[in-house]
Amino acid sequence: MCDAEEDMFFKGRPEQLYEHLACPRTRMMFTTEEGAGAHCHPGVRRLSITRIYDWRDDTLAAGA
């Protein structure tokens, strides 16, 4: 679950959904300090994609 610190469209929604999930889950917070606090992390696309793909790789490797 990706969440942006200063998301102006879905503030608080990712956390609500995360809390309701009954499956294995990860909450990935993107902060203003790292330049990724806005909705969809537009200022740091490389950072968000890198973190998401690293999470995917780690998750798939753990299941293998």
C-alpha atoms as a PDB file:
ATOM      1  CA  MET A   1       0.000   0.000   0.000  1.00  0.00           C
ATOM      2  CA  CYS A   2       1.574   3.277  -1.094  1.00  0.00           C
ATOM      3  CA  ASP A   3       0.772   6.377   0.923  1.00  0.00           C
ATOM      4  CA  ALA A   4       1.954   9.961   0.413  1.00  0.00           C
ATOM      5  CA  GLU A   5       2.439  12.203   3.422  1.00  0.00           C
ATOM      6  CA  GLU A   6       0.665  15.202   1.870  1.00  0.00           C
ATOM      7  CA  ASP A   7      -1.762  13.505  -0.524  1.00  0.00           C
ATOM      8  CA  MET A   8      -4.441  16.107  -1.302  1.00  0.00           C
ATOM      9  CA  PHE A   9      -6.883  13.677  -2.924  1.00  0.00           C
ATOM     10  CA  PHE A  10      -6.899  10.520  -0.789  1.00  0.00           C
ATOM     11  CA  LYS A  11      -5.552  11.724   2.581  1.00  0.00           C
ATOM     12  CA  GLY A  12      -6.030   8.916   5.114  1.00  0.00           C
ATOM     13  CA  ARG A  13      -7.625   6.488   2.661  1.00  0.00           C
ATOM     14  CA  PRO A  14      -4.569   4.253   2.100  1.00  0.00           C
ATOM     15  CA  GLU A  15      -4.243   3.785   5.873  1.00  0.00           C
ATOM     16  CA  GLN A  16      -7.943   2.891   6.174  1.00  0.00           C
ATOM     17  CA  LEU A  17      -7.681   0.310   3.413  1.00  0.00           C
ATOM     18  CA  TYR A  18      -4.446  -1.074   4.854  1.00  0.00           C
ATOM     19  CA  GLU A  19      -6.106  -1.594   8.245  1.00  0.00           C
ATOM     20  CA  HIS A  20      -9.003  -3.497   6.662  1.00  0.00           C
ATOM     21  CA  LEU A  21      -6.863  -5.902   4.657  1.00  0.00           C
ATOM     22  CA  ALA A  22      -6.767  -9.385   6.156  1.00  0.00           C
ATOM     23  CA  CYS A  23      -3.905 -10.613   3.965  1.00  0.00           C
ATOM     24  CA  PRO A  24      -0.142 -10.111   4.207  1.00  0.00           C
ATOM     25  CA  ARG A  25       0.492  -6.434   3.539  1.00  0.00           C
ATOM     26  CA  THR A  26       3.104  -3.696   3.476  1.00  0.00           C
ATOM     27  CA  ARG A  27       2.528   0.025   3.879  1.00  0.00           C
ATOM     28  CA  MET A  28       5.032   2.139   1.973  1.00  0.00           C
ATOM     29  CA  MET A  29       5.079   5.766   3.148  1.00  0.00           C
ATOM     30  CA  PHE A  30       6.464   8.448   0.849  1.00  0.00           C
ATOM     31  CA  THR A  31       7.504  11.619   2.669  1.00  0.00           C
ATOM     32  CA  THR A  32       7.717  15.285   1.836  1.00  0.00           C
ATOM     33  CA  GLU A  33      11.305  15.335   3.104  1.00  0.00           C
ATOM     34  CA  GLU A  34      12.365  12.929   0.361  1.00  0.00           C
ATOM     35  CA  GLY A  35      10.354  14.925  -2.191  1.00  0.00           C
ATOM     36  CA  ALA A  36       7.650  12.295  -2.518  1.00  0.00           C
ATOM     37  CA  GLY A  37       4.870  13.567  -0.290  1.00  0.00           C
ATOM     38  CA  ALA A  38       2.409  14.547  -3.033  1.00  0.00           C
ATOM     39  CA  HIS A  39      -0.287  12.396  -4.645  1.00  0.00           C
ATOM     40  CA  CYS A  40       1.336   9.870  -7.050  1.00  0.00           C
ATOM     41  CA  HIS A  41       4.817  11.095  -5.997  1.00  0.00           C
ATOM     42  CA  PRO A  42       5.299  13.231  -9.164  1.00  0.00           C
ATOM     43  CA  GLY A  43       8.586  14.838  -8.151  1.00  0.00           C
ATOM     44  CA  VAL A  44      10.403  11.576  -7.566  1.00  0.00           C
ATOM     45  CA  ARG A  45       9.056   9.045 -10.019  1.00  0.00           C
ATOM     46  CA  ARG A  46      12.361   7.127 -10.013  1.00  0.00           C
ATOM     47  CA  LEU A  47      12.297   6.792  -6.225  1.00  0.00           C
ATOM     48  CA  SER A  48       8.723   5.509  -6.142  1.00  0.00           C
ATOM     49  CA  ILE A  49       9.258   3.041  -8.983  1.00  0.00           C
ATOM     50  CA  THR A  50      12.518   1.832  -7.413  1.00  0.00           C
ATOM     51  CA  ARG A  51      10.895   1.260  -4.025  1.00  0.00           C
ATOM     52  CA  ILE A  52       7.867  -0.478  -5.542  1.00  0.00           C
ATOM     53  CA  TYR A  53       9.986  -2.785  -7.724  1.00  0.00           C
ATOM     54  CA  ASP A  54      12.375  -3.534  -4.839  1.00  0.00           C
ATOM     55  CA  TRP A  55       9.362  -4.488  -2.701  1.00  0.00           C
ATOM     56  CA  ARG A  56       8.051  -6.709  -5.494  1.00  0.00           C
ATOM     57  CA  ASP A  57      11.421  -8.411  -5.968  1.00  0.00           C
ATOM     58  CA  ASP A  58      11.819  -9.013  -2.212  1.00  0.00           C
ATOM     59  CA  THR A  59       8.262 -10.310  -1.909  1.00  0.00           C
ATOM     60  CA  LEU A  60       8.618 -12.704  -4.836  1.00  0.00           C
ATOM     61  CA  ALA A  61      12.026 -13.911  -3.607  1.00  0.00           C
ATOM     62  CA  ALA A  62      10.604 -14.641  -0.143  1.00  0.00           C
ATOM     63  CA  GLY A  63       7.869 -16.792  -1.664  1.00  0.00           C
ATOM     64  CA  ALA A  64      10.236 -18.832  -3.832  1.00  0.00           C
END
